[in-house]
């Protein structure tokens, strides 16, 4: 049976790991899974990770717009990252998480993801050729020693993407 830790303990652990990296903050990336895709985010852009809370659906929105979540009295618009990418919808279960990505950039945006994977060191990954057809927020990709392909999510560019911001049908 796996040991359960509180969200606060996990975030404290991440903060301690980040502080221990000193000037190498670019080497630390947060790994997430959205559907069958693996993504990396800079720790500075990753925001807070919260367990999935009840979502309030919003009529007349895109199918990938999962709804609105109330996190400690603040409303966050929640986008299902996998569905936004045109893939299967993220199951809403105990391993699903909300990644509050917009707070640092002045937006109450959150991503619904399948699961959190944890910290990744960019030095342990192999940079792959960029995909010119990929959106500006997903040009970089890496592979690991297990053969998984990781795409790097650039949060600022995602939040500026017109398709991401246009939730109406």
N, C-alpha and C. Protein backbone atom coordinates (compact mmCIF):
# COMPACT_ATOMS: atom_id res chain seq x y z
N UNK A 1 0.85 -1.17 0.00
CA UNK A 1 0.00 0.00 0.00
C UNK A 1 0.89 1.23 0.00
N UNK A 2 0.58 2.19 -0.83
CA UNK A 2 1.40 3.39 -0.92
C UNK A 2 1.10 4.34 0.22
N UNK A 3 2.13 5.06 0.60
CA UNK A 3 1.98 6.04 1.68
C UNK A 3 1.30 7.27 1.12
N UNK A 4 0.27 7.75 1.79
CA UNK A 4 -0.42 8.96 1.37
C UNK A 4 0.19 10.16 2.08
N UNK A 5 0.41 11.23 1.31
CA UNK A 5 0.91 12.47 1.91
C UNK A 5 -0.09 13.57 1.59
N UNK A 6 -0.10 14.56 2.41
CA UNK A 6 -1.02 15.66 2.19
C UNK A 6 -0.52 16.54 1.05
N UNK A 7 -1.42 17.29 0.46
CA UNK A 7 -1.07 18.20 -0.62
C UNK A 7 -0.05 19.22 -0.12
N UNK A 8 -0.23 19.70 1.08
CA UNK A 8 0.70 20.68 1.66
C UNK A 8 2.10 20.09 1.76
N UNK A 9 2.21 18.84 2.22
CA UNK A 9 3.51 18.18 2.33
C UNK A 9 4.16 18.03 0.96
N UNK A 10 3.36 17.66 -0.05
CA UNK A 10 3.89 17.49 -1.41
C UNK A 10 4.40 18.82 -1.95
N UNK A 11 3.63 19.88 -1.75
CA UNK A 11 4.05 21.19 -2.24
C UNK A 11 5.28 21.69 -1.48
N UNK A 12 5.37 21.40 -0.20
CA UNK A 12 6.56 21.76 0.57
C UNK A 12 7.78 21.01 0.05
N UNK A 13 7.58 19.74 -0.29
CA UNK A 13 8.66 18.93 -0.85
C UNK A 13 9.12 19.53 -2.18
N UNK A 14 8.18 19.90 -3.06
CA UNK A 14 8.54 20.51 -4.33
C UNK A 14 9.29 21.82 -4.13
N UNK A 15 8.82 22.64 -3.19
CA UNK A 15 9.47 23.92 -2.93
C UNK A 15 10.89 23.71 -2.42
N UNK A 16 11.08 22.71 -1.55
CA UNK A 16 12.41 22.42 -1.03
C UNK A 16 13.34 21.93 -2.14
N UNK A 17 12.82 21.10 -3.03
CA UNK A 17 13.62 20.61 -4.15
C UNK A 17 14.01 21.76 -5.06
N UNK A 18 13.05 22.67 -5.30
CA UNK A 18 13.33 23.82 -6.16
C UNK A 18 14.38 24.72 -5.51
N UNK A 19 14.24 24.97 -4.21
CA UNK A 19 15.21 25.81 -3.51
C UNK A 19 16.58 25.17 -3.50
N UNK A 20 16.65 23.86 -3.42
CA UNK A 20 17.91 23.15 -3.42
C UNK A 20 18.62 23.16 -4.76
N UNK A 21 17.90 23.51 -5.80
CA UNK A 21 18.49 23.55 -7.13
C UNK A 21 19.26 24.83 -7.37
N UNK A 22 19.09 25.82 -6.52
CA UNK A 22 19.83 27.07 -6.63
C UNK A 22 19.60 27.75 -7.96
N UNK A 23 20.68 28.04 -8.67
CA UNK A 23 20.60 28.71 -9.96
C UNK A 23 20.24 27.77 -11.09
N UNK A 24 20.01 26.51 -10.82
CA UNK A 24 19.69 25.56 -11.86
C UNK A 24 18.19 25.38 -12.02
N UNK A 25 17.40 26.41 -11.74
CA UNK A 25 15.94 26.27 -11.77
C UNK A 25 15.42 25.84 -13.13
N UNK A 26 16.17 26.13 -14.21
CA UNK A 26 15.72 25.70 -15.51
C UNK A 26 15.84 24.19 -15.68
N UNK A 27 16.63 23.54 -14.82
CA UNK A 27 16.80 22.09 -14.93
C UNK A 27 15.62 21.35 -14.35
N UNK A 28 14.81 22.00 -13.51
CA UNK A 28 13.68 21.34 -12.87
C UNK A 28 12.40 21.55 -13.64
N UNK A 29 11.76 20.44 -13.99
CA UNK A 29 10.51 20.49 -14.71
C UNK A 29 9.50 19.61 -14.01
N UNK A 30 8.23 20.00 -14.08
CA UNK A 30 7.16 19.19 -13.52
C UNK A 30 6.57 18.35 -14.63
N UNK A 31 6.47 17.06 -14.40
CA UNK A 31 5.89 16.15 -15.38
C UNK A 31 4.44 15.86 -15.05
N UNK A 32 3.59 15.95 -16.08
CA UNK A 32 2.17 15.62 -15.93
C UNK A 32 1.76 14.71 -17.07
N UNK A 33 0.64 14.05 -16.89
CA UNK A 33 0.06 13.24 -17.96
C UNK A 33 -1.33 13.77 -18.25
N UNK A 34 -1.61 14.00 -19.53
CA UNK A 34 -2.93 14.45 -19.98
C UNK A 34 -3.37 13.46 -21.05
N UNK A 35 -4.32 12.59 -20.69
CA UNK A 35 -4.68 11.52 -21.60
C UNK A 35 -3.50 10.58 -21.74
N UNK A 36 -3.10 10.32 -22.97
CA UNK A 36 -1.94 9.45 -23.20
C UNK A 36 -0.65 10.24 -23.43
N UNK A 37 -0.74 11.58 -23.35
CA UNK A 37 0.42 12.44 -23.61
C UNK A 37 1.11 12.82 -22.31
N UNK A 38 2.44 12.95 -22.42
CA UNK A 38 3.26 13.39 -21.29
C UNK A 38 3.73 14.82 -21.57
N UNK A 39 3.64 15.67 -20.54
CA UNK A 39 3.97 17.08 -20.67
C UNK A 39 4.94 17.49 -19.58
N UNK A 40 5.76 18.48 -19.90
CA UNK A 40 6.68 19.09 -18.96
C UNK A 40 6.36 20.57 -18.84
N UNK A 41 6.42 21.09 -17.62
CA UNK A 41 6.23 22.51 -17.38
C UNK A 41 7.37 23.01 -16.51
N UNK A 42 7.83 24.22 -16.77
CA UNK A 42 8.79 24.83 -15.86
C UNK A 42 8.14 24.95 -14.49
N UNK A 43 8.90 24.65 -13.45
CA UNK A 43 8.33 24.72 -12.09
C UNK A 43 7.79 26.11 -11.78
N UNK A 44 8.45 27.14 -12.28
CA UNK A 44 7.99 28.51 -12.01
C UNK A 44 6.62 28.76 -12.62
N UNK A 45 6.29 28.09 -13.71
CA UNK A 45 5.00 28.28 -14.38
C UNK A 45 3.96 27.25 -13.98
N UNK A 46 4.36 26.23 -13.25
CA UNK A 46 3.44 25.12 -13.00
C UNK A 46 2.28 25.49 -12.08
N UNK A 47 2.47 26.43 -11.20
CA UNK A 47 1.38 26.84 -10.32
C UNK A 47 1.07 25.78 -9.27
N UNK A 48 -0.05 25.94 -8.64
CA UNK A 48 -0.46 25.05 -7.56
C UNK A 48 -1.15 23.81 -8.13
N UNK A 49 -0.97 22.70 -7.45
CA UNK A 49 -1.60 21.44 -7.82
C UNK A 49 -2.65 21.14 -6.76
N UNK A 50 -3.89 20.93 -7.19
CA UNK A 50 -4.95 20.62 -6.22
C UNK A 50 -5.71 19.38 -6.67
N UNK A 51 -6.23 18.62 -5.71
CA UNK A 51 -7.06 17.48 -6.08
C UNK A 51 -8.30 17.98 -6.84
N UNK A 52 -8.83 17.13 -7.66
CA UNK A 52 -10.01 17.49 -8.43
C UNK A 52 -11.17 17.79 -7.49
N UNK A 53 -11.74 18.98 -7.64
CA UNK A 53 -12.91 19.39 -6.87
C UNK A 53 -14.12 19.33 -7.79
N UNK A 54 -15.32 19.40 -7.23
CA UNK A 54 -16.50 19.40 -8.11
C UNK A 54 -16.45 20.57 -9.09
N UNK A 55 -16.78 20.28 -10.34
CA UNK A 55 -16.78 21.30 -11.38
C UNK A 55 -18.21 21.67 -11.73
N UNK A 56 -18.45 22.95 -11.91
CA UNK A 56 -19.76 23.43 -12.35
C UNK A 56 -19.71 23.63 -13.85
N UNK A 57 -20.56 22.92 -14.55
CA UNK A 57 -20.55 23.03 -16.01
C UNK A 57 -21.09 24.40 -16.43
N UNK A 58 -20.65 24.83 -17.60
CA UNK A 58 -21.05 26.12 -18.14
C UNK A 58 -21.69 25.85 -19.50
N UNK A 59 -22.94 26.25 -19.68
CA UNK A 59 -23.60 25.98 -20.97
C UNK A 59 -22.98 26.79 -22.10
N UNK A 60 -23.15 26.29 -23.31
CA UNK A 60 -22.71 26.94 -24.54
C UNK A 60 -21.21 27.16 -24.58
N UNK A 61 -20.46 26.17 -24.08
CA UNK A 61 -19.00 26.23 -24.14
C UNK A 61 -18.48 25.04 -24.94
N UNK A 62 -17.22 25.12 -25.31
CA UNK A 62 -16.58 24.04 -26.05
C UNK A 62 -16.59 22.76 -25.21
N UNK A 63 -16.60 21.60 -25.87
CA UNK A 63 -16.60 20.33 -25.11
C UNK A 63 -15.36 20.15 -24.24
N UNK A 64 -14.25 20.79 -24.59
CA UNK A 64 -13.03 20.66 -23.79
C UNK A 64 -13.02 21.59 -22.57
N UNK A 65 -13.99 22.50 -22.49
CA UNK A 65 -14.07 23.36 -21.31
C UNK A 65 -14.80 22.57 -20.23
N UNK A 66 -14.05 22.12 -19.22
CA UNK A 66 -14.60 21.21 -18.21
C UNK A 66 -15.56 21.89 -17.24
N UNK A 67 -15.41 23.21 -17.07
CA UNK A 67 -16.30 23.93 -16.17
C UNK A 67 -15.54 24.92 -15.30
N UNK A 68 -16.17 25.27 -14.19
CA UNK A 68 -15.61 26.24 -13.26
C UNK A 68 -15.44 25.55 -11.92
N UNK A 69 -14.30 25.78 -11.28
CA UNK A 69 -14.01 25.19 -9.97
C UNK A 69 -13.85 26.30 -8.94
N UNK A 70 -14.36 26.07 -7.75
CA UNK A 70 -14.20 26.99 -6.64
C UNK A 70 -13.04 26.47 -5.79
N UNK A 71 -11.93 27.17 -5.83
CA UNK A 71 -10.75 26.79 -5.06
C UNK A 71 -10.53 27.85 -3.99
N UNK A 72 -10.85 27.51 -2.75
CA UNK A 72 -10.70 28.43 -1.61
C UNK A 72 -11.35 29.78 -1.87
N UNK A 73 -12.54 29.78 -2.45
CA UNK A 73 -13.29 31.01 -2.67
C UNK A 73 -12.97 31.74 -3.95
N UNK A 74 -12.04 31.23 -4.75
CA UNK A 74 -11.71 31.83 -6.05
C UNK A 74 -12.18 30.91 -7.16
N UNK A 75 -12.79 31.50 -8.19
CA UNK A 75 -13.27 30.71 -9.31
C UNK A 75 -12.18 30.56 -10.37
N UNK A 76 -12.01 29.34 -10.85
CA UNK A 76 -11.03 29.02 -11.88
C UNK A 76 -11.75 28.39 -13.06
N UNK A 77 -11.43 28.85 -14.27
CA UNK A 77 -11.94 28.20 -15.46
C UNK A 77 -11.05 26.98 -15.70
N UNK A 78 -11.68 25.83 -15.95
CA UNK A 78 -10.95 24.58 -16.05
C UNK A 78 -11.05 24.03 -17.47
N UNK A 79 -9.89 23.81 -18.07
CA UNK A 79 -9.81 23.24 -19.41
C UNK A 79 -9.25 21.83 -19.29
N UNK A 80 -9.95 20.88 -19.91
CA UNK A 80 -9.46 19.51 -19.99
C UNK A 80 -8.38 19.49 -21.07
N UNK A 81 -7.11 19.38 -20.67
CA UNK A 81 -6.00 19.50 -21.61
C UNK A 81 -6.06 18.44 -22.70
N UNK A 82 -6.36 17.22 -22.34
CA UNK A 82 -6.43 16.15 -23.34
C UNK A 82 -7.52 16.43 -24.37
N UNK A 83 -8.71 16.81 -23.90
CA UNK A 83 -9.82 17.11 -24.81
C UNK A 83 -9.50 18.35 -25.66
N UNK A 84 -8.82 19.34 -25.09
CA UNK A 84 -8.44 20.53 -25.84
C UNK A 84 -7.54 20.15 -27.02
N UNK A 85 -6.73 19.13 -26.83
CA UNK A 85 -5.82 18.67 -27.87
C UNK A 85 -6.51 17.76 -28.88
N UNK A 86 -7.83 17.58 -28.73
CA UNK A 86 -8.59 16.75 -29.66
C UNK A 86 -8.55 15.27 -29.35
N UNK A 87 -8.16 14.93 -28.14
CA UNK A 87 -8.07 13.52 -27.74
C UNK A 87 -9.19 13.21 -26.76
N UNK A 88 -9.10 12.04 -26.13
CA UNK A 88 -10.15 11.61 -25.20
C UNK A 88 -10.24 12.54 -23.99
N UNK A 89 -11.46 12.63 -23.46
CA UNK A 89 -11.68 13.46 -22.27
C UNK A 89 -10.99 12.81 -21.07
N UNK A 90 -10.51 13.63 -20.17
CA UNK A 90 -9.85 13.15 -18.96
C UNK A 90 -10.88 12.58 -18.00
N UNK A 91 -10.68 11.35 -17.54
CA UNK A 91 -11.62 10.80 -16.55
C UNK A 91 -11.49 11.58 -15.24
N UNK A 92 -12.60 11.87 -14.65
CA UNK A 92 -12.58 12.61 -13.39
C UNK A 92 -12.64 11.59 -12.26
N UNK A 93 -11.44 11.26 -11.74
CA UNK A 93 -11.34 10.26 -10.69
C UNK A 93 -10.32 10.71 -9.63
N UNK A 94 -9.97 9.80 -8.75
CA UNK A 94 -9.09 10.14 -7.62
C UNK A 94 -7.69 10.56 -8.04
N UNK A 95 -7.20 10.11 -9.20
CA UNK A 95 -5.84 10.49 -9.61
C UNK A 95 -5.83 11.78 -10.44
N UNK A 96 -6.98 12.23 -10.91
CA UNK A 96 -7.05 13.48 -11.68
C UNK A 96 -6.70 14.66 -10.81
N UNK A 97 -6.07 15.65 -11.41
CA UNK A 97 -5.65 16.84 -10.67
C UNK A 97 -5.98 18.10 -11.46
N UNK A 98 -6.06 19.19 -10.73
CA UNK A 98 -6.18 20.51 -11.34
C UNK A 98 -4.85 21.21 -11.15
N UNK A 99 -4.33 21.72 -12.23
CA UNK A 99 -3.08 22.46 -12.21
C UNK A 99 -3.42 23.92 -12.45
N UNK A 100 -3.27 24.76 -11.42
CA UNK A 100 -3.65 26.17 -11.50
C UNK A 100 -2.52 26.94 -12.19
N UNK A 101 -2.60 27.05 -13.50
CA UNK A 101 -1.50 27.59 -14.29
C UNK A 101 -1.53 29.10 -14.46
N UNK A 102 -2.68 29.72 -14.33
CA UNK A 102 -2.79 31.11 -14.70
C UNK A 102 -2.49 32.13 -13.63
N UNK A 103 -2.45 31.74 -12.38
CA UNK A 103 -2.32 32.69 -11.27
C UNK A 103 -1.11 33.60 -11.44
N UNK A 104 0.02 33.03 -11.78
CA UNK A 104 1.25 33.81 -11.95
C UNK A 104 1.12 34.83 -13.09
N UNK A 105 0.27 34.53 -14.05
CA UNK A 105 0.13 35.38 -15.23
C UNK A 105 -1.15 36.21 -15.20
N UNK A 106 -1.78 36.32 -14.04
CA UNK A 106 -2.95 37.17 -13.88
C UNK A 106 -4.24 36.58 -14.43
N UNK A 107 -4.33 35.27 -14.49
CA UNK A 107 -5.51 34.60 -15.02
C UNK A 107 -5.89 33.45 -14.09
N UNK A 108 -7.17 33.28 -13.85
CA UNK A 108 -7.63 32.15 -13.03
C UNK A 108 -7.95 30.97 -13.94
N UNK A 109 -6.92 30.40 -14.53
CA UNK A 109 -7.07 29.26 -15.43
C UNK A 109 -6.46 28.03 -14.79
N UNK A 110 -7.11 26.90 -15.03
CA UNK A 110 -6.62 25.62 -14.52
C UNK A 110 -6.71 24.58 -15.62
N UNK A 111 -5.81 23.62 -15.56
CA UNK A 111 -5.84 22.49 -16.48
C UNK A 111 -6.26 21.24 -15.72
N UNK A 112 -7.19 20.50 -16.29
CA UNK A 112 -7.56 19.19 -15.77
C UNK A 112 -6.62 18.18 -16.42
N UNK A 113 -5.87 17.44 -15.60
CA UNK A 113 -4.91 16.48 -16.12
C UNK A 113 -5.18 15.11 -15.50
N UNK A 114 -4.72 14.08 -16.20
CA UNK A 114 -4.95 12.71 -15.77
C UNK A 114 -4.23 12.41 -14.46
N UNK A 115 -2.97 12.82 -14.38
CA UNK A 115 -2.21 12.60 -13.14
C UNK A 115 -0.94 13.42 -13.15
N UNK A 116 -0.40 13.62 -11.95
CA UNK A 116 0.88 14.28 -11.78
C UNK A 116 1.94 13.19 -11.77
N UNK A 117 3.04 13.44 -12.44
CA UNK A 117 4.11 12.45 -12.48
C UNK A 117 5.24 12.84 -11.54
N UNK A 118 5.55 14.11 -11.46
CA UNK A 118 6.59 14.56 -10.52
C UNK A 118 7.69 15.32 -11.22
N UNK A 119 8.76 15.55 -10.49
CA UNK A 119 9.86 16.34 -11.00
C UNK A 119 10.68 15.56 -12.02
N UNK A 120 11.11 16.26 -13.04
CA UNK A 120 11.98 15.71 -14.07
C UNK A 120 13.16 16.65 -14.24
N UNK A 121 14.32 16.08 -14.48
CA UNK A 121 15.51 16.88 -14.72
C UNK A 121 15.74 16.92 -16.23
N UNK A 122 15.82 18.11 -16.79
CA UNK A 122 15.97 18.26 -18.23
C UNK A 122 17.28 17.64 -18.71
N UNK A 123 18.27 17.55 -17.83
CA UNK A 123 19.54 16.95 -18.21
C UNK A 123 19.43 15.45 -18.44
N UNK A 124 18.39 14.81 -17.90
CA UNK A 124 18.17 13.38 -18.10
C UNK A 124 17.32 13.10 -19.33
N UNK A 125 16.92 14.16 -20.04
CA UNK A 125 16.07 14.02 -21.23
C UNK A 125 16.87 14.37 -22.48
N UNK A 126 16.41 13.87 -23.61
CA UNK A 126 17.07 14.13 -24.89
C UNK A 126 16.18 15.03 -25.72
N UNK A 127 16.71 16.19 -26.12
CA UNK A 127 15.96 17.13 -26.94
C UNK A 127 15.73 16.53 -28.32
N UNK A 128 14.50 16.64 -28.81
CA UNK A 128 14.17 16.13 -30.13
C UNK A 128 13.94 17.30 -31.07
N UNK A 129 13.88 17.02 -32.35
CA UNK A 129 13.63 18.07 -33.34
C UNK A 129 12.27 18.69 -33.08
N UNK A 130 12.18 20.00 -33.21
CA UNK A 130 10.91 20.68 -32.96
C UNK A 130 9.92 20.38 -34.08
N UNK A 131 8.65 20.39 -33.71
CA UNK A 131 7.58 20.12 -34.66
C UNK A 131 7.06 21.45 -35.17
N UNK A 132 7.30 21.78 -36.44
CA UNK A 132 6.85 23.07 -36.96
C UNK A 132 5.33 23.20 -37.02
N UNK A 133 4.62 22.07 -37.01
CA UNK A 133 3.16 22.12 -37.05
C UNK A 133 2.55 22.32 -35.67
N UNK A 134 3.35 22.18 -34.63
CA UNK A 134 2.85 22.32 -33.26
C UNK A 134 2.57 23.78 -32.96
N UNK A 135 1.62 24.05 -32.06
CA UNK A 135 1.36 25.44 -31.67
C UNK A 135 2.56 26.04 -30.95
N UNK A 136 2.59 27.35 -30.85
CA UNK A 136 3.73 28.06 -30.24
C UNK A 136 3.98 27.60 -28.80
N UNK A 137 2.98 27.12 -28.12
CA UNK A 137 3.13 26.73 -26.73
C UNK A 137 3.58 25.27 -26.57
N UNK A 138 3.85 24.56 -27.68
CA UNK A 138 4.24 23.15 -27.58
C UNK A 138 5.29 22.76 -28.62
N UNK A 139 6.20 23.67 -28.97
CA UNK A 139 7.21 23.36 -29.98
C UNK A 139 8.27 22.37 -29.51
N UNK A 140 8.70 22.49 -28.27
CA UNK A 140 9.79 21.65 -27.78
C UNK A 140 9.30 20.28 -27.38
N UNK A 141 10.11 19.27 -27.67
CA UNK A 141 9.78 17.93 -27.20
C UNK A 141 11.08 17.20 -26.83
N UNK A 142 10.93 16.25 -25.93
CA UNK A 142 12.05 15.50 -25.39
C UNK A 142 11.68 14.03 -25.37
N UNK A 143 12.69 13.19 -25.22
CA UNK A 143 12.44 11.77 -24.98
C UNK A 143 13.26 11.37 -23.76
N UNK A 144 12.78 10.34 -23.07
CA UNK A 144 13.51 9.87 -21.90
C UNK A 144 14.09 8.48 -22.18
N UNK A 145 14.77 7.93 -21.22
CA UNK A 145 15.42 6.63 -21.38
C UNK A 145 14.43 5.48 -21.48
N UNK A 146 13.17 5.72 -21.11
CA UNK A 146 12.13 4.69 -21.18
C UNK A 146 11.37 4.75 -22.50
N UNK A 147 11.78 5.65 -23.39
CA UNK A 147 11.14 5.76 -24.69
C UNK A 147 9.89 6.63 -24.73
N UNK A 148 9.60 7.30 -23.64
CA UNK A 148 8.44 8.20 -23.61
C UNK A 148 8.80 9.52 -24.27
N UNK A 149 7.83 10.09 -24.96
CA UNK A 149 8.01 11.41 -25.56
C UNK A 149 7.30 12.43 -24.67
N UNK A 150 8.01 13.48 -24.34
CA UNK A 150 7.52 14.55 -23.48
C UNK A 150 7.45 15.83 -24.30
N UNK A 151 6.34 16.52 -24.23
CA UNK A 151 6.22 17.83 -24.88
C UNK A 151 6.32 18.88 -23.79
N UNK A 152 7.00 19.97 -24.10
CA UNK A 152 7.12 21.04 -23.11
C UNK A 152 6.01 22.06 -23.32
N UNK A 153 5.25 22.29 -22.27
CA UNK A 153 4.13 23.22 -22.30
C UNK A 153 4.60 24.59 -21.84
N UNK A 154 4.50 25.57 -22.71
CA UNK A 154 4.85 26.95 -22.35
C UNK A 154 3.56 27.65 -21.95
N UNK A 155 3.42 27.86 -20.65
CA UNK A 155 2.16 28.35 -20.08
C UNK A 155 1.79 29.73 -20.59
N UNK A 156 2.73 30.65 -20.62
CA UNK A 156 2.43 32.02 -21.06
C UNK A 156 1.87 32.01 -22.49
N UNK A 157 2.48 31.23 -23.35
CA UNK A 157 2.02 31.16 -24.74
C UNK A 157 0.66 30.48 -24.85
N UNK A 158 0.43 29.45 -24.02
CA UNK A 158 -0.88 28.79 -24.02
C UNK A 158 -1.97 29.76 -23.60
N UNK A 159 -1.71 30.55 -22.56
CA UNK A 159 -2.71 31.51 -22.09
C UNK A 159 -2.97 32.62 -23.10
N UNK A 160 -2.03 32.85 -24.00
CA UNK A 160 -2.20 33.88 -25.04
C UNK A 160 -2.81 33.31 -26.32
N UNK A 161 -2.95 31.98 -26.39
CA UNK A 161 -3.49 31.34 -27.58
C UNK A 161 -4.99 31.65 -27.71
N UNK A 162 -5.40 32.16 -28.87
CA UNK A 162 -6.80 32.53 -29.08
C UNK A 162 -7.73 31.33 -28.97
N UNK A 163 -7.31 30.18 -29.47
CA UNK A 163 -8.15 28.97 -29.40
C UNK A 163 -8.38 28.55 -27.95
N UNK A 164 -7.35 28.69 -27.11
CA UNK A 164 -7.47 28.32 -25.70
C UNK A 164 -8.41 29.26 -24.96
N UNK A 165 -8.39 30.53 -25.33
CA UNK A 165 -9.21 31.52 -24.64
C UNK A 165 -10.64 31.59 -25.16
N UNK A 166 -10.91 31.04 -26.32
CA UNK A 166 -12.25 31.09 -26.92
C UNK A 166 -13.04 29.85 -26.54
N UNK A 167 -13.71 29.90 -25.39
CA UNK A 167 -14.43 28.73 -24.89
C UNK A 167 -15.86 28.64 -25.40
N UNK A 168 -16.37 29.69 -26.02
CA UNK A 168 -17.76 29.69 -26.50
C UNK A 168 -17.94 28.87 -27.76
N UNK A 169 -19.15 28.32 -27.90
CA UNK A 169 -19.45 27.58 -29.14
C UNK A 169 -20.11 28.48 -30.16
